[in-house]
Amino acid sequence: MAIEIEGKPPIHYDAVVSLRISTQSIEPEAVTVALGLEPETSWHRGDTTRRLGNGRLVPRRAAANHYWVKSLAKFTSPPDDLPLELGKLLDQLESARDFFDAIRSEGGRAEFFIGYFMRKSNTGDTFEPSLLARLAELGIGLSFDTYDSKV
């Protein structure tokens, strides 16, 4: 049980939501144009180097797919409500429905990658069927990683 201090509710977690896209034929530049968003990380199928966060290129095994990723939002719960905020992100992406259909039709994958950074207690969220249906309509999956914020 979390303890309330100075009349403020305890913070349960911070969350970062990124959009990740992996495809065989749709190159990262086409993703950037279709969504109007610049990626933080991207590479092409067959690339044998990868750029680290510090800009340094390092060798890697040839990439199996084109890849594109962009952090879209950061949340703190409370006061933010992650399912509600995901709905707002879907509102912004719905205009690209045909593009997400193209990703699915070529066997690619789009997903919201959600990193939970836990505070002093465990917690959770409920993703209502209506939100899950909206994700399914756009073909956007959910991927979760949970981190201990003390690490």
N, C-alpha and C. Protein backbone atom coordinates (compact mmCIF):
# COMPACT_ATOMS: atom_id res chain seq x y z
N MET A 1 0.84 -1.18 0.00
CA MET A 1 0.00 0.00 0.00
C MET A 1 0.89 1.24 0.00
N ALA A 2 0.64 2.15 -0.94
CA ALA A 2 1.41 3.39 -1.03
C ALA A 2 0.85 4.40 -0.02
N ILE A 3 1.73 5.19 0.53
CA ILE A 3 1.34 6.18 1.52
C ILE A 3 1.28 7.55 0.87
N GLU A 4 0.21 8.28 1.15
CA GLU A 4 0.05 9.62 0.62
C GLU A 4 0.87 10.59 1.46
N ILE A 5 1.67 11.43 0.79
CA ILE A 5 2.52 12.41 1.49
C ILE A 5 2.10 13.81 1.07
N GLU A 6 1.93 14.68 2.07
CA GLU A 6 1.59 16.09 1.85
C GLU A 6 0.38 16.27 0.95
N GLY A 7 -0.61 15.40 1.09
CA GLY A 7 -1.85 15.54 0.35
C GLY A 7 -1.75 15.19 -1.13
N LYS A 8 -0.58 14.71 -1.58
CA LYS A 8 -0.42 14.35 -2.98
C LYS A 8 -0.51 12.84 -3.12
N PRO A 9 -1.21 12.35 -4.15
CA PRO A 9 -1.25 10.90 -4.34
C PRO A 9 0.13 10.39 -4.75
N PRO A 10 0.46 9.16 -4.38
CA PRO A 10 1.77 8.62 -4.74
C PRO A 10 1.86 8.38 -6.24
N ILE A 11 3.06 8.54 -6.78
CA ILE A 11 3.29 8.24 -8.19
C ILE A 11 3.57 6.76 -8.30
N HIS A 12 2.82 6.08 -9.15
CA HIS A 12 2.95 4.65 -9.30
C HIS A 12 4.03 4.27 -10.33
N TYR A 13 4.05 5.01 -11.45
CA TYR A 13 5.02 4.69 -12.49
C TYR A 13 5.17 5.85 -13.46
N ASP A 14 6.26 5.82 -14.20
CA ASP A 14 6.44 6.66 -15.38
C ASP A 14 6.34 5.71 -16.56
N ALA A 15 5.86 6.19 -17.67
CA ALA A 15 5.76 5.34 -18.86
C ALA A 15 6.21 6.13 -20.08
N VAL A 16 6.88 5.44 -20.97
CA VAL A 16 7.29 6.01 -22.26
C VAL A 16 6.64 5.16 -23.34
N VAL A 17 5.99 5.83 -24.30
CA VAL A 17 5.33 5.12 -25.39
C VAL A 17 6.03 5.48 -26.69
N SER A 18 6.50 4.44 -27.39
CA SER A 18 7.13 4.61 -28.70
C SER A 18 6.32 3.85 -29.73
N LEU A 19 6.38 4.33 -30.96
CA LEU A 19 5.79 3.60 -32.08
C LEU A 19 6.94 2.91 -32.80
N ARG A 20 6.86 1.59 -32.94
CA ARG A 20 7.88 0.81 -33.63
C ARG A 20 7.25 0.16 -34.86
N ILE A 21 7.95 0.26 -35.99
CA ILE A 21 7.48 -0.32 -37.24
C ILE A 21 8.60 -1.14 -37.85
N SER A 22 8.28 -2.37 -38.23
CA SER A 22 9.23 -3.29 -38.84
C SER A 22 8.58 -3.88 -40.08
N THR A 23 9.26 -3.76 -41.24
CA THR A 23 8.69 -4.25 -42.50
C THR A 23 9.77 -4.86 -43.39
N GLN A 24 9.33 -5.62 -44.37
CA GLN A 24 10.23 -6.18 -45.37
C GLN A 24 10.44 -5.22 -46.54
N SER A 25 9.40 -4.48 -46.91
CA SER A 25 9.51 -3.69 -48.14
C SER A 25 9.31 -2.18 -47.98
N ILE A 26 8.69 -1.74 -46.90
CA ILE A 26 8.45 -0.30 -46.72
C ILE A 26 9.66 0.29 -45.99
N GLU A 27 10.42 1.12 -46.70
CA GLU A 27 11.65 1.68 -46.13
C GLU A 27 11.35 2.77 -45.11
N PRO A 28 12.30 3.00 -44.18
CA PRO A 28 12.08 3.99 -43.13
C PRO A 28 11.70 5.38 -43.64
N GLU A 29 12.27 5.78 -44.77
CA GLU A 29 11.95 7.11 -45.31
C GLU A 29 10.47 7.21 -45.68
N ALA A 30 9.89 6.10 -46.16
CA ALA A 30 8.46 6.09 -46.50
C ALA A 30 7.60 6.17 -45.24
N VAL A 31 8.06 5.56 -44.15
CA VAL A 31 7.34 5.66 -42.88
C VAL A 31 7.35 7.12 -42.41
N THR A 32 8.50 7.76 -42.50
CA THR A 32 8.63 9.16 -42.09
C THR A 32 7.67 10.04 -42.87
N VAL A 33 7.59 9.85 -44.18
CA VAL A 33 6.69 10.65 -45.02
C VAL A 33 5.24 10.35 -44.67
N ALA A 34 4.88 9.08 -44.55
CA ALA A 34 3.49 8.70 -44.30
C ALA A 34 2.97 9.23 -42.97
N LEU A 35 3.84 9.22 -41.95
CA LEU A 35 3.40 9.64 -40.61
C LEU A 35 3.74 11.09 -40.29
N GLY A 36 4.62 11.70 -41.08
CA GLY A 36 5.03 13.07 -40.79
C GLY A 36 5.82 13.19 -39.51
N LEU A 37 6.53 12.12 -39.15
CA LEU A 37 7.33 12.08 -37.92
C LEU A 37 8.74 11.63 -38.24
N GLU A 38 9.72 12.28 -37.64
CA GLU A 38 11.12 11.88 -37.81
C GLU A 38 11.44 10.80 -36.79
N PRO A 39 12.05 9.71 -37.21
CA PRO A 39 12.38 8.64 -36.25
C PRO A 39 13.56 9.03 -35.38
N GLU A 40 13.63 8.39 -34.22
CA GLU A 40 14.83 8.51 -33.39
C GLU A 40 15.85 7.47 -33.80
N THR A 41 15.35 6.35 -34.29
CA THR A 41 16.21 5.26 -34.75
C THR A 41 15.56 4.64 -35.97
N SER A 42 16.38 4.30 -36.96
CA SER A 42 15.88 3.56 -38.11
C SER A 42 17.04 2.86 -38.78
N TRP A 43 16.74 1.82 -39.52
CA TRP A 43 17.74 1.18 -40.37
C TRP A 43 17.04 0.46 -41.50
N HIS A 44 17.82 0.07 -42.48
CA HIS A 44 17.32 -0.63 -43.66
C HIS A 44 17.62 -2.12 -43.57
N ARG A 45 16.76 -2.91 -44.16
CA ARG A 45 16.99 -4.35 -44.26
C ARG A 45 18.35 -4.55 -44.93
N GLY A 46 19.16 -5.41 -44.35
CA GLY A 46 20.49 -5.68 -44.90
C GLY A 46 21.60 -4.84 -44.32
N ASP A 47 21.27 -3.77 -43.58
CA ASP A 47 22.31 -2.94 -42.97
C ASP A 47 23.18 -3.78 -42.05
N THR A 48 24.49 -3.53 -42.10
CA THR A 48 25.42 -4.28 -41.26
C THR A 48 26.08 -3.41 -40.19
N THR A 49 25.54 -2.20 -40.01
CA THR A 49 25.97 -1.33 -38.91
C THR A 49 24.74 -0.78 -38.22
N ARG A 50 24.93 -0.36 -37.00
CA ARG A 50 23.85 0.24 -36.22
C ARG A 50 24.40 1.47 -35.53
N ARG A 51 23.60 2.55 -35.52
CA ARG A 51 24.02 3.79 -34.87
C ARG A 51 23.54 3.77 -33.42
N LEU A 52 24.48 3.97 -32.50
CA LEU A 52 24.15 4.04 -31.08
C LEU A 52 23.60 5.42 -30.75
N GLY A 53 23.05 5.56 -29.53
CA GLY A 53 22.50 6.84 -29.09
C GLY A 53 23.50 7.97 -29.13
N ASN A 54 24.79 7.65 -28.99
CA ASN A 54 25.83 8.69 -29.02
C ASN A 54 26.28 9.00 -30.46
N GLY A 55 25.65 8.36 -31.45
CA GLY A 55 25.98 8.62 -32.85
C GLY A 55 27.02 7.69 -33.44
N ARG A 56 27.68 6.90 -32.61
CA ARG A 56 28.73 5.99 -33.07
C ARG A 56 28.13 4.80 -33.82
N LEU A 57 28.74 4.44 -34.96
CA LEU A 57 28.31 3.26 -35.72
C LEU A 57 29.06 2.04 -35.20
N VAL A 58 28.31 0.95 -35.00
CA VAL A 58 28.91 -0.31 -34.56
C VAL A 58 28.46 -1.42 -35.51
N PRO A 59 29.31 -2.44 -35.70
CA PRO A 59 28.93 -3.54 -36.59
C PRO A 59 27.79 -4.36 -36.00
N ARG A 60 27.03 -4.98 -36.87
CA ARG A 60 25.92 -5.84 -36.45
C ARG A 60 25.68 -6.89 -37.52
N ARG A 61 24.95 -7.90 -37.17
CA ARG A 61 24.51 -8.88 -38.15
C ARG A 61 23.53 -8.18 -39.10
N ALA A 62 23.50 -8.56 -40.35
CA ALA A 62 22.63 -7.90 -41.33
C ALA A 62 21.19 -7.87 -40.83
N ALA A 63 20.58 -6.69 -40.86
CA ALA A 63 19.20 -6.52 -40.39
C ALA A 63 18.24 -7.29 -41.28
N ALA A 64 17.31 -8.03 -40.65
CA ALA A 64 16.34 -8.83 -41.39
C ALA A 64 15.22 -7.98 -41.97
N ASN A 65 14.94 -6.83 -41.36
CA ASN A 65 13.83 -5.97 -41.77
C ASN A 65 14.23 -4.51 -41.74
N HIS A 66 13.45 -3.70 -42.46
CA HIS A 66 13.52 -2.26 -42.27
C HIS A 66 12.92 -1.98 -40.90
N TYR A 67 13.42 -0.96 -40.22
CA TYR A 67 12.97 -0.68 -38.86
C TYR A 67 12.91 0.83 -38.67
N TRP A 68 11.87 1.29 -37.94
CA TRP A 68 11.64 2.71 -37.68
C TRP A 68 11.05 2.82 -36.29
N VAL A 69 11.57 3.74 -35.45
CA VAL A 69 11.00 3.92 -34.11
C VAL A 69 11.02 5.40 -33.73
N LYS A 70 9.95 5.81 -33.04
CA LYS A 70 9.80 7.19 -32.57
C LYS A 70 9.12 7.19 -31.21
N SER A 71 9.73 7.83 -30.21
CA SER A 71 9.05 8.04 -28.92
C SER A 71 7.95 9.07 -29.13
N LEU A 72 6.75 8.73 -28.70
CA LEU A 72 5.60 9.62 -28.91
C LEU A 72 5.19 10.38 -27.66
N ALA A 73 5.38 9.79 -26.49
CA ALA A 73 4.88 10.45 -25.29
C ALA A 73 5.52 9.86 -24.05
N LYS A 74 5.53 10.68 -22.99
CA LYS A 74 5.95 10.24 -21.65
C LYS A 74 4.82 10.59 -20.69
N PHE A 75 4.54 9.67 -19.77
CA PHE A 75 3.44 9.85 -18.83
C PHE A 75 3.89 9.53 -17.42
N THR A 76 3.20 10.10 -16.45
CA THR A 76 3.38 9.78 -15.05
C THR A 76 2.01 9.45 -14.49
N SER A 77 1.89 8.35 -13.77
CA SER A 77 0.60 7.94 -13.21
C SER A 77 0.68 7.90 -11.69
N PRO A 78 -0.27 8.60 -11.02
CA PRO A 78 -1.10 9.66 -11.57
C PRO A 78 -0.27 10.92 -11.80
N PRO A 79 -0.75 11.93 -12.46
CA PRO A 79 -2.13 12.19 -12.83
C PRO A 79 -2.52 11.62 -14.19
N ASP A 80 -1.55 11.23 -15.02
CA ASP A 80 -1.89 10.76 -16.35
C ASP A 80 -2.54 9.38 -16.30
N ASP A 81 -3.38 9.11 -17.26
CA ASP A 81 -4.06 7.84 -17.39
C ASP A 81 -3.58 7.23 -18.71
N LEU A 82 -2.72 6.21 -18.64
CA LEU A 82 -2.10 5.65 -19.84
C LEU A 82 -3.11 5.20 -20.89
N PRO A 83 -4.16 4.44 -20.54
CA PRO A 83 -5.12 4.05 -21.58
C PRO A 83 -5.77 5.26 -22.27
N LEU A 84 -6.11 6.30 -21.51
CA LEU A 84 -6.70 7.51 -22.10
C LEU A 84 -5.70 8.17 -23.05
N GLU A 85 -4.44 8.25 -22.63
CA GLU A 85 -3.42 8.87 -23.47
C GLU A 85 -3.15 8.05 -24.73
N LEU A 86 -3.21 6.73 -24.64
CA LEU A 86 -3.07 5.89 -25.84
C LEU A 86 -4.20 6.19 -26.82
N GLY A 87 -5.39 6.41 -26.31
CA GLY A 87 -6.52 6.79 -27.16
C GLY A 87 -6.25 8.09 -27.91
N LYS A 88 -5.63 9.05 -27.24
CA LYS A 88 -5.29 10.32 -27.89
C LYS A 88 -4.24 10.11 -28.98
N LEU A 89 -3.27 9.23 -28.74
CA LEU A 89 -2.28 8.92 -29.78
C LEU A 89 -2.95 8.27 -30.98
N LEU A 90 -3.91 7.38 -30.72
CA LEU A 90 -4.64 6.75 -31.82
C LEU A 90 -5.42 7.80 -32.62
N ASP A 91 -5.99 8.79 -31.93
CA ASP A 91 -6.69 9.88 -32.64
C ASP A 91 -5.77 10.52 -33.66
N GLN A 92 -4.50 10.71 -33.29
CA GLN A 92 -3.53 11.37 -34.18
C GLN A 92 -3.09 10.46 -35.33
N LEU A 93 -3.11 9.16 -35.11
CA LEU A 93 -2.61 8.23 -36.13
C LEU A 93 -3.69 7.70 -37.07
N GLU A 94 -4.95 7.90 -36.72
CA GLU A 94 -6.04 7.34 -37.54
C GLU A 94 -6.05 7.86 -38.97
N SER A 95 -5.52 9.03 -39.21
CA SER A 95 -5.48 9.56 -40.57
C SER A 95 -4.53 8.76 -41.46
N ALA A 96 -3.66 7.96 -40.84
CA ALA A 96 -2.71 7.13 -41.58
C ALA A 96 -3.19 5.68 -41.69
N ARG A 97 -4.49 5.47 -41.59
CA ARG A 97 -5.08 4.12 -41.61
C ARG A 97 -4.63 3.32 -42.84
N ASP A 98 -4.64 3.94 -44.03
CA ASP A 98 -4.23 3.22 -45.24
C ASP A 98 -2.78 2.78 -45.15
N PHE A 99 -1.94 3.59 -44.55
CA PHE A 99 -0.54 3.24 -44.39
C PHE A 99 -0.39 2.03 -43.46
N PHE A 100 -1.11 2.03 -42.34
CA PHE A 100 -1.04 0.89 -41.42
C PHE A 100 -1.59 -0.37 -42.08
N ASP A 101 -2.61 -0.21 -42.94
CA ASP A 101 -3.12 -1.36 -43.71
C ASP A 101 -2.02 -1.91 -44.63
N ALA A 102 -1.25 -1.01 -45.24
CA ALA A 102 -0.17 -1.44 -46.14
C ALA A 102 0.91 -2.20 -45.36
N ILE A 103 1.20 -1.77 -44.15
CA ILE A 103 2.18 -2.47 -43.32
C ILE A 103 1.71 -3.90 -43.08
N ARG A 104 0.45 -4.04 -42.67
CA ARG A 104 -0.09 -5.38 -42.40
C ARG A 104 -0.12 -6.24 -43.65
N SER A 105 -0.51 -5.64 -44.79
CA SER A 105 -0.67 -6.43 -46.02
C SER A 105 0.66 -6.98 -46.52
N GLU A 106 1.77 -6.35 -46.16
CA GLU A 106 3.07 -6.86 -46.59
C GLU A 106 3.74 -7.72 -45.51
N GLY A 107 2.99 -8.01 -44.45
CA GLY A 107 3.54 -8.85 -43.39
C GLY A 107 4.35 -8.12 -42.35
N GLY A 108 4.30 -6.78 -42.37
CA GLY A 108 5.05 -5.98 -41.41
C GLY A 108 4.32 -5.88 -40.07
N ARG A 109 4.94 -5.15 -39.16
CA ARG A 109 4.40 -5.03 -37.82
C ARG A 109 4.52 -3.58 -37.34
N ALA A 110 3.45 -3.10 -36.72
CA ALA A 110 3.46 -1.80 -36.04
C ALA A 110 3.03 -2.06 -34.61
N GLU A 111 3.69 -1.39 -33.66
CA GLU A 111 3.32 -1.60 -32.26
C GLU A 111 3.63 -0.37 -31.44
N PHE A 112 2.83 -0.20 -30.38
CA PHE A 112 3.19 0.73 -29.33
C PHE A 112 4.07 -0.04 -28.37
N PHE A 113 5.30 0.42 -28.19
CA PHE A 113 6.19 -0.16 -27.20
C PHE A 113 6.08 0.71 -25.96
N ILE A 114 5.66 0.11 -24.86
CA ILE A 114 5.43 0.86 -23.63
C ILE A 114 6.43 0.40 -22.58
N GLY A 115 7.26 1.31 -22.14
CA GLY A 115 8.19 1.04 -21.05
C GLY A 115 7.61 1.58 -19.76
N TYR A 116 7.36 0.67 -18.82
CA TYR A 116 6.89 1.05 -17.49
C TYR A 116 8.12 1.17 -16.58
N PHE A 117 8.29 2.30 -15.92
CA PHE A 117 9.36 2.51 -14.96
C PHE A 117 8.69 2.62 -13.60
N MET A 118 8.72 1.52 -12.87
CA MET A 118 7.96 1.40 -11.62
C MET A 118 8.59 2.25 -10.51
N ARG A 119 7.74 2.72 -9.64
CA ARG A 119 8.19 3.45 -8.46
C ARG A 119 8.22 2.48 -7.28
N LYS A 120 7.75 2.88 -6.12
CA LYS A 120 7.89 2.07 -4.92
C LYS A 120 6.85 0.96 -4.78
N SER A 121 5.89 0.88 -5.64
CA SER A 121 4.86 -0.15 -5.52
C SER A 121 4.54 -0.71 -6.90
N ASN A 122 3.84 -1.82 -6.91
CA ASN A 122 3.38 -2.32 -8.19
C ASN A 122 2.03 -1.69 -8.51
N THR A 123 1.67 -1.71 -9.75
CA THR A 123 0.41 -1.13 -10.19
C THR A 123 0.06 -1.75 -11.53
N GLY A 124 -1.00 -1.30 -12.12
CA GLY A 124 -1.39 -1.81 -13.42
C GLY A 124 -2.39 -0.90 -14.08
N ASP A 125 -2.72 -1.23 -15.30
CA ASP A 125 -3.71 -0.47 -16.07
C ASP A 125 -4.70 -1.45 -16.67
N THR A 126 -5.88 -0.95 -16.96
CA THR A 126 -6.89 -1.74 -17.66
C THR A 126 -7.07 -1.14 -19.04
N PHE A 127 -6.92 -1.97 -20.06
CA PHE A 127 -7.12 -1.55 -21.43
C PHE A 127 -8.47 -2.09 -21.87
N GLU A 128 -9.45 -1.20 -21.92
CA GLU A 128 -10.82 -1.59 -22.22
C GLU A 128 -10.94 -2.14 -23.64
N PRO A 129 -11.95 -2.99 -23.86
CA PRO A 129 -12.17 -3.55 -25.21
C PRO A 129 -12.28 -2.49 -26.30
N SER A 130 -12.86 -1.34 -25.99
CA SER A 130 -12.99 -0.30 -27.02
C SER A 130 -11.62 0.22 -27.46
N LEU A 131 -10.69 0.37 -26.53
CA LEU A 131 -9.33 0.80 -26.88
C LEU A 131 -8.61 -0.30 -27.66
N LEU A 132 -8.74 -1.53 -27.21
CA LEU A 132 -8.11 -2.66 -27.90
C LEU A 132 -8.67 -2.81 -29.31
N ALA A 133 -9.96 -2.56 -29.48
CA ALA A 133 -10.57 -2.64 -30.83
C ALA A 133 -9.99 -1.56 -31.74
N ARG A 134 -9.77 -0.36 -31.20
CA ARG A 134 -9.17 0.72 -32.01
C ARG A 134 -7.76 0.35 -32.43
N LEU A 135 -7.00 -0.22 -31.51
CA LEU A 135 -5.64 -0.67 -31.84
C LEU A 135 -5.70 -1.74 -32.93
N ALA A 136 -6.61 -2.68 -32.79
CA ALA A 136 -6.74 -3.76 -33.77
C ALA A 136 -7.15 -3.22 -35.14
N GLU A 137 -8.04 -2.23 -35.16
CA GLU A 137 -8.47 -1.65 -36.43
C GLU A 137 -7.31 -1.02 -37.19
N LEU A 138 -6.38 -0.42 -36.47
CA LEU A 138 -5.21 0.17 -37.12
C LEU A 138 -4.08 -0.85 -37.29
N GLY A 139 -4.21 -2.00 -36.66
CA GLY A 139 -3.17 -3.00 -36.75
C GLY A 139 -1.95 -2.66 -35.91
N ILE A 140 -2.18 -1.98 -34.80
CA ILE A 140 -1.08 -1.61 -33.90
C ILE A 140 -1.13 -2.53 -32.69
N GLY A 141 -0.04 -3.27 -32.46
CA GLY A 141 0.06 -4.15 -31.32
C GLY A 141 0.55 -3.40 -30.09
N LEU A 142 0.55 -4.09 -28.97
CA LEU A 142 1.07 -3.54 -27.72
C LEU A 142 2.23 -4.41 -27.26
N SER A 143 3.31 -3.76 -26.87
CA SER A 143 4.48 -4.45 -26.34
C SER A 143 4.87 -3.73 -25.05
N PHE A 144 5.07 -4.49 -23.98
CA PHE A 144 5.37 -3.91 -22.68
C PHE A 144 6.70 -4.39 -22.15
N ASP A 145 7.47 -3.48 -21.58
CA ASP A 145 8.64 -3.82 -20.78
C ASP A 145 8.47 -3.09 -19.45
N THR A 146 8.78 -3.77 -18.37
CA THR A 146 8.68 -3.18 -17.04
C THR A 146 10.07 -3.08 -16.44
N TYR A 147 10.39 -1.91 -15.91
CA TYR A 147 11.71 -1.65 -15.36
C TYR A 147 11.57 -1.21 -13.90
N ASP A 148 12.52 -1.59 -13.10
CA ASP A 148 12.64 -1.11 -11.75
C ASP A 148 13.31 0.25 -11.84
N SER A 149 12.67 1.31 -11.41
CA SER A 149 13.23 2.66 -11.56
C SER A 149 14.50 2.85 -10.74
N LYS A 150 14.81 1.94 -9.84
CA LYS A 150 16.02 2.04 -9.03
C LYS A 150 17.25 1.57 -9.79
N VAL A 151 17.03 0.88 -10.90
CA VAL A 151 18.16 0.33 -11.67
C VAL A 151 18.84 1.40 -12.46
